[in-house]
Amino acid sequence: MSNNFKIAVALGLLALLFLVLMPKLLWNRLRRGYNLTTFRSDNLSYQKLKELSGAEILVLVDNEPSNSNFELKAAWGISLYVKAQNVSFLFDTGPSPEVLEHNCKVLGVDLSNISFVFISHEHGDHTGGLPYVAKVAPSVPVYVPSGMSSSVRRGIERLGFNVVEVKGPQQMLEGIASTGPLMSGSLAEHGLILNLQGKGMVLLVGCAHPGVDRMLLNATNFSEEVFGVIGGFHLMGASETRLEQIAKVFDELSLQLIVPLHCSGKTAKSFFKEHFPQAYLDAQTGSFLKLGP
């Protein structure tokens, strides 16, 4: 066998190795550049979401005041009290224990029986009410996204809560799941999914820092049937081009319920109300939504 032939074979093997490895290396580099969530088989739920017969959502805290109950306090933040079949839980807690406690008392909401608290991300207008929850429902599980800063996590643990870190899309209870954390710069945020019988998934978002459109698409890890989205869309000051990008995703998913709260912004609310008149719903502190039977 000639030396030239050996060299040619060696070069061919090197070229083949390059073709096999390079796409993987490029993808890993691209994934790091865009801060995409890395999923591992041990944190990704392959189980199909079970269905809830229905759900009720009460807006305990929002920065928009109630237009019917003037005893309620509005504050910059968001907190939703959710009942789904025989389970109740809190999605975010607003900016302060005083506001959360006051509005719970006005609305007759008893948080002592909640099954868990879901914290979308670490900002204070979402975690500030936790000291009140710790008084009335001590030691309940608090689901937080992986990537939350250690100082905030330790603060939650010092309140006596059992902190559960969510590392990827996972079903927490039957028909209730997390999208898994997505990154916006160094900030981790996840959304909560309610899978409703005969409708599809409803996504609850705190601020949607990674993009409400991106979070909706991430929810389709579980199902392509998405019924609606409720919460803060983080679109104050957003350009019309950005609003149109989001509207395109809303349209592609055929959303039938769009409820912007908190940091969505008046311009964005008006835009979605005009473009999706059948799906859009105004809501604020004290609003009550019944989904399903």
Protein backbone atom coordinates (compact mmCIF):
# COMPACT_ATOMS: atom_id res chain seq x y z
CA MET A 1 0.00 0.00 0.00
CA SER A 2 1.56 3.29 -1.10
CA ASN A 3 2.13 6.21 1.22
CA ASN A 4 -0.06 8.39 -1.03
CA PHE A 5 -2.97 5.98 -0.60
CA LYS A 6 -2.53 5.93 3.20
CA ILE A 7 -2.47 9.71 3.27
CA ALA A 8 -5.62 9.86 1.14
CA VAL A 9 -7.43 7.42 3.47
CA ALA A 10 -6.38 9.40 6.53
CA LEU A 11 -7.53 12.66 4.99
CA GLY A 12 -10.84 11.06 4.06
CA LEU A 13 -11.41 9.88 7.63
CA LEU A 14 -10.59 13.32 8.99
CA ALA A 15 -13.05 14.90 6.56
CA LEU A 16 -15.77 12.45 7.60
CA LEU A 17 -15.12 13.18 11.27
CA PHE A 18 -15.33 16.91 10.56
CA LEU A 19 -18.70 16.49 8.81
CA VAL A 20 -20.09 14.48 11.73
CA LEU A 21 -18.89 16.69 14.57
CA MET A 22 -19.11 20.18 13.12
CA PRO A 23 -22.94 20.51 12.99
CA LYS A 24 -23.14 19.49 16.67
CA LEU A 25 -20.43 21.99 17.66
CA LEU A 26 -22.15 24.76 15.71
CA TRP A 27 -25.52 23.96 17.32
CA ASN A 28 -24.06 24.01 20.82
CA ARG A 29 -22.45 27.36 20.10
CA LEU A 30 -25.70 28.74 18.67
CA ARG A 31 -27.72 27.44 21.63
CA ARG A 32 -25.39 29.17 24.09
CA GLY A 33 -25.58 32.38 22.09
CA TYR A 34 -29.37 32.48 22.23
CA ASN A 35 -29.68 31.29 25.85
CA LEU A 36 -31.96 28.42 24.89
CA THR A 37 -32.97 26.09 27.70
CA THR A 38 -30.95 22.87 27.75
CA PHE A 39 -33.21 19.88 28.36
CA ARG A 40 -32.01 16.57 29.76
CA SER A 41 -33.91 13.31 29.67
CA ASP A 42 -34.19 13.31 33.47
CA ASN A 43 -36.01 16.67 33.63
CA LEU A 44 -38.16 16.53 30.50
CA SER A 45 -41.62 15.07 30.95
CA TYR A 46 -42.66 12.86 28.05
CA GLN A 47 -45.96 12.05 29.71
CA LYS A 48 -48.94 13.52 27.94
CA LEU A 49 -50.71 16.06 30.10
CA LYS A 50 -53.91 14.85 31.69
CA GLU A 51 -56.95 17.09 31.39
CA LEU A 52 -58.74 19.32 33.87
CA SER A 53 -62.52 19.48 33.68
CA GLY A 54 -62.32 23.23 34.34
CA ALA A 55 -60.53 26.01 36.20
CA GLU A 56 -61.32 29.28 37.96
CA ILE A 57 -58.90 32.20 38.12
CA LEU A 58 -59.23 35.19 40.44
CA VAL A 59 -56.93 38.18 39.98
CA LEU A 60 -55.81 38.96 43.54
CA VAL A 61 -53.28 41.63 42.58
CA ASP A 62 -52.75 43.71 39.46
CA ASN A 63 -51.62 47.29 38.85
CA GLU A 64 -54.97 48.12 37.26
CA PRO A 65 -57.62 48.89 39.93
CA SER A 66 -60.93 47.09 40.06
CA ASN A 67 -63.75 48.81 38.21
CA SER A 68 -66.39 47.31 40.50
CA ASN A 69 -64.90 46.73 43.98
CA PHE A 70 -63.24 49.90 45.27
CA GLU A 71 -62.12 48.26 48.52
CA LEU A 72 -59.45 46.33 46.63
CA LYS A 73 -55.92 47.68 46.44
CA ALA A 74 -54.11 47.88 43.11
CA ALA A 75 -50.31 47.56 43.12
CA TRP A 76 -47.58 47.07 40.55
CA GLY A 77 -47.33 43.30 40.30
CA ILE A 78 -49.47 40.25 39.75
CA SER A 79 -50.99 37.42 41.77
CA LEU A 80 -53.58 34.91 40.58
CA TYR A 81 -55.57 32.52 42.78
CA VAL A 82 -56.37 29.40 40.78
CA LYS A 83 -58.80 26.58 41.53
CA ALA A 84 -58.76 23.52 39.29
CA GLN A 85 -60.96 20.60 40.30
CA ASN A 86 -59.92 19.74 43.86
CA VAL A 87 -56.69 21.77 43.83
CA SER A 88 -56.06 25.44 44.58
CA PHE A 89 -52.78 27.32 44.26
CA LEU A 90 -51.23 30.75 43.95
CA PHE A 91 -49.51 31.99 40.81
CA ASP A 92 -47.08 34.72 41.92
CA THR A 93 -47.77 36.80 45.02
CA GLY A 94 -47.68 40.47 44.04
CA PRO A 95 -45.30 43.08 45.51
CA SER A 96 -46.14 43.04 49.21
CA PRO A 97 -47.68 40.89 51.95
CA GLU A 98 -49.94 43.78 53.00
CA VAL A 99 -51.61 44.12 49.59
CA LEU A 100 -52.02 40.37 49.19
CA GLU A 101 -53.50 39.96 52.67
CA HIS A 102 -55.86 42.91 52.24
CA ASN A 103 -57.23 41.73 48.89
CA CYS A 104 -57.60 38.14 50.09
CA LYS A 105 -59.71 39.35 53.01
CA VAL A 106 -61.86 41.62 50.81
CA LEU A 107 -62.42 38.81 48.29
CA GLY A 108 -62.92 36.09 50.92
CA VAL A 109 -59.98 34.00 49.73
CA ASP A 110 -58.44 31.58 52.26
CA LEU A 111 -54.90 30.68 51.23
CA SER A 112 -54.40 28.21 54.09
CA ASN A 113 -55.55 25.31 51.91
CA ILE A 114 -53.49 25.97 48.79
CA SER A 115 -51.48 23.04 47.44
CA PHE A 116 -48.50 25.07 46.23
CA VAL A 117 -47.17 28.44 45.11
CA PHE A 118 -45.81 28.95 41.61
CA ILE A 119 -43.26 31.76 41.23
CA SER A 120 -42.74 32.76 37.61
CA HIS A 121 -39.47 34.60 38.23
CA GLU A 122 -37.51 36.31 40.98
CA HIS A 123 -38.56 39.96 40.69
CA GLY A 124 -40.01 41.53 43.82
CA ASP A 125 -43.37 42.42 42.27
CA HIS A 126 -43.95 38.64 41.97
CA THR A 127 -42.35 37.37 45.18
CA GLY A 128 -43.14 40.22 47.60
CA GLY A 129 -46.31 38.66 49.02
CA LEU A 130 -44.62 35.43 50.12
CA PRO A 131 -44.29 36.49 53.81
CA TYR A 132 -48.09 36.57 54.07
CA VAL A 133 -48.37 33.16 52.42
CA ALA A 134 -45.81 31.84 54.92
CA LYS A 135 -48.09 32.94 57.77
CA VAL A 136 -51.24 31.22 56.50
CA ALA A 137 -49.80 28.28 54.53
CA PRO A 138 -46.40 27.46 56.03
CA SER A 139 -44.17 24.85 54.39
CA VAL A 140 -46.16 24.55 51.15
CA PRO A 141 -44.05 23.75 48.07
CA VAL A 142 -42.91 26.79 46.10
CA TYR A 143 -42.01 26.05 42.48
CA VAL A 144 -39.26 28.30 41.09
CA PRO A 145 -37.39 28.24 37.78
CA SER A 146 -33.89 26.80 37.65
CA GLY A 147 -31.52 29.73 37.30
CA MET A 148 -33.12 31.85 40.01
CA SER A 149 -30.45 33.79 41.90
CA SER A 150 -29.23 32.05 45.04
CA SER A 151 -29.98 35.06 47.24
CA VAL A 152 -33.67 35.11 46.28
CA ARG A 153 -33.95 31.36 46.67
CA ARG A 154 -32.38 31.49 50.14
CA GLY A 155 -34.80 34.26 51.08
CA ILE A 156 -37.75 32.05 50.12
CA GLU A 157 -36.30 29.11 52.06
CA ARG A 158 -35.82 31.30 55.15
CA LEU A 159 -39.58 31.88 55.15
CA GLY A 160 -39.97 28.14 55.79
CA PHE A 161 -41.04 27.06 52.31
CA ASN A 162 -40.03 23.87 50.54
CA VAL A 163 -38.44 25.27 47.37
CA VAL A 164 -38.78 23.04 44.30
CA GLU A 165 -36.51 23.94 41.39
CA VAL A 166 -38.02 23.34 37.95
CA LYS A 167 -35.33 22.44 35.41
CA GLY A 168 -37.42 21.71 32.34
CA PRO A 169 -40.98 21.16 31.14
CA GLN A 170 -42.67 19.09 33.83
CA GLN A 171 -46.13 18.10 34.96
CA MET A 172 -46.53 19.06 38.62
CA LEU A 173 -50.06 17.74 39.17
CA GLU A 174 -52.55 16.15 36.81
CA GLY A 175 -53.27 18.67 34.06
CA ILE A 176 -50.97 21.32 35.58
CA ALA A 177 -47.43 21.84 34.29
CA SER A 178 -44.50 24.21 33.98
CA THR A 179 -43.16 25.24 30.59
CA GLY A 180 -39.68 24.89 32.01
CA PRO A 181 -37.41 27.90 32.43
CA LEU A 182 -36.47 30.17 29.56
CA MET A 183 -33.80 32.82 29.80
CA SER A 184 -33.98 36.55 29.18
CA GLY A 185 -30.38 37.61 29.62
CA SER A 186 -29.52 36.30 33.08
CA LEU A 187 -33.16 36.13 34.23
CA ALA A 188 -34.93 32.75 34.31
CA GLU A 189 -38.71 32.61 33.92
CA HIS A 190 -41.23 29.83 33.47
CA GLY A 191 -44.96 29.79 32.79
CA LEU A 192 -47.73 27.59 34.15
CA ILE A 193 -49.96 25.45 31.95
CA LEU A 194 -53.55 24.43 32.65
CA ASN A 195 -54.70 21.72 30.25
CA LEU A 196 -58.48 22.02 29.93
CA GLN A 197 -60.74 19.30 28.65
CA GLY A 198 -62.31 20.19 25.30
CA LYS A 199 -60.30 23.43 25.00
CA GLY A 200 -56.57 22.85 25.24
CA MET A 201 -53.82 24.55 27.21
CA VAL A 202 -54.08 27.94 28.93
CA LEU A 203 -50.71 29.52 29.70
CA LEU A 204 -50.24 31.78 32.74
CA VAL A 205 -47.28 34.16 32.51
CA GLY A 206 -45.87 36.53 35.12
CA CYS A 207 -43.99 39.05 32.99
CA ALA A 208 -43.00 37.01 29.91
CA HIS A 209 -39.51 38.52 29.90
CA PRO A 210 -38.32 35.88 27.38
CA GLY A 211 -41.24 36.85 25.10
CA VAL A 212 -44.87 35.80 25.43
CA ASP A 213 -44.69 34.34 21.92
CA ARG A 214 -41.61 32.29 22.78
CA MET A 215 -43.20 31.03 25.99
CA LEU A 216 -46.34 29.97 24.13
CA LEU A 217 -44.28 28.07 21.58
CA ASN A 218 -42.33 26.41 24.40
CA ALA A 219 -45.63 25.24 25.91
CA THR A 220 -46.21 23.19 22.76
CA ASN A 221 -43.67 20.70 24.15
CA PHE A 222 -46.80 19.18 25.67
CA SER A 223 -49.46 19.78 23.02
CA GLU A 224 -50.19 21.83 19.92
CA GLU A 225 -53.65 22.65 21.29
CA VAL A 226 -53.25 26.06 22.95
CA PHE A 227 -56.46 27.78 24.03
CA GLY A 228 -55.22 31.00 25.57
CA VAL A 229 -52.74 33.10 27.52
CA ILE A 230 -53.23 35.16 30.69
CA GLY A 231 -50.82 37.46 32.53
CA GLY A 232 -48.10 40.03 32.06
CA PHE A 233 -46.84 40.31 28.48
CA HIS A 234 -43.99 42.81 29.20
CA LEU A 235 -44.80 45.01 26.20
CA MET A 236 -44.78 48.54 27.57
CA GLY A 237 -43.02 50.61 24.91
CA ALA A 238 -42.96 47.75 22.40
CA SER A 239 -42.87 48.72 18.72
CA GLU A 240 -45.72 47.94 16.36
CA THR A 241 -43.40 45.53 14.55
CA ARG A 242 -42.91 43.58 17.78
CA LEU A 243 -46.64 43.54 18.47
CA GLU A 244 -47.25 42.22 14.95
CA GLN A 245 -44.70 39.44 15.51
CA ILE A 246 -46.54 38.34 18.62
CA ALA A 247 -49.93 38.65 16.90
CA LYS A 248 -48.68 36.32 14.19
CA VAL A 249 -47.94 33.62 16.78
CA PHE A 250 -51.32 34.22 18.46
CA ASP A 251 -52.94 33.79 15.06
CA GLU A 252 -50.94 30.68 14.14
CA LEU A 253 -51.95 29.06 17.44
CA SER A 254 -55.59 30.15 16.94
CA LEU A 255 -55.80 31.55 20.46
CA GLN A 256 -59.34 31.90 21.75
CA LEU A 257 -58.50 33.72 24.98
CA ILE A 258 -56.06 36.64 25.36
CA VAL A 259 -55.97 38.35 28.78
CA PRO A 260 -53.11 40.88 29.18
CA LEU A 261 -52.39 42.00 32.76
CA HIS A 262 -49.69 43.75 34.79
CA CYS A 263 -46.80 44.88 32.54
CA SER A 264 -48.55 44.40 29.19
CA GLY A 265 -49.03 48.13 28.56
CA LYS A 266 -52.03 50.07 27.33
CA THR A 267 -50.80 50.23 23.71
CA ALA A 268 -50.39 46.47 23.53
CA LYS A 269 -53.78 45.92 25.14
CA SER A 270 -55.44 48.17 22.56
CA PHE A 271 -53.55 46.44 19.74
CA PHE A 272 -54.65 42.94 20.74
CA LYS A 273 -58.18 44.08 21.46
CA GLU A 274 -58.42 45.46 17.92
CA HIS A 275 -56.78 42.46 16.23
CA PHE A 276 -58.44 39.70 18.30
CA PRO A 277 -61.85 41.09 19.33
CA GLN A 278 -63.39 37.66 19.88
CA ALA A 279 -60.52 36.36 22.03
CA TYR A 280 -59.54 39.50 23.95
CA LEU A 281 -60.70 40.00 27.53
CA ASP A 282 -60.05 42.99 29.78
CA ALA A 283 -59.10 42.10 33.35
CA GLN A 284 -57.73 43.82 36.43
CA THR A 285 -57.57 43.46 40.22
CA GLY A 286 -60.62 41.46 41.33
CA SER A 287 -61.50 40.02 37.91
CA PHE A 288 -62.84 36.46 37.90
CA LEU A 289 -62.45 34.04 34.99
CA LYS A 290 -64.21 30.71 34.75
CA LEU A 291 -62.77 28.31 32.19
CA GLY A 292 -64.69 25.18 31.31
CA PRO A 293 -67.90 23.84 32.87
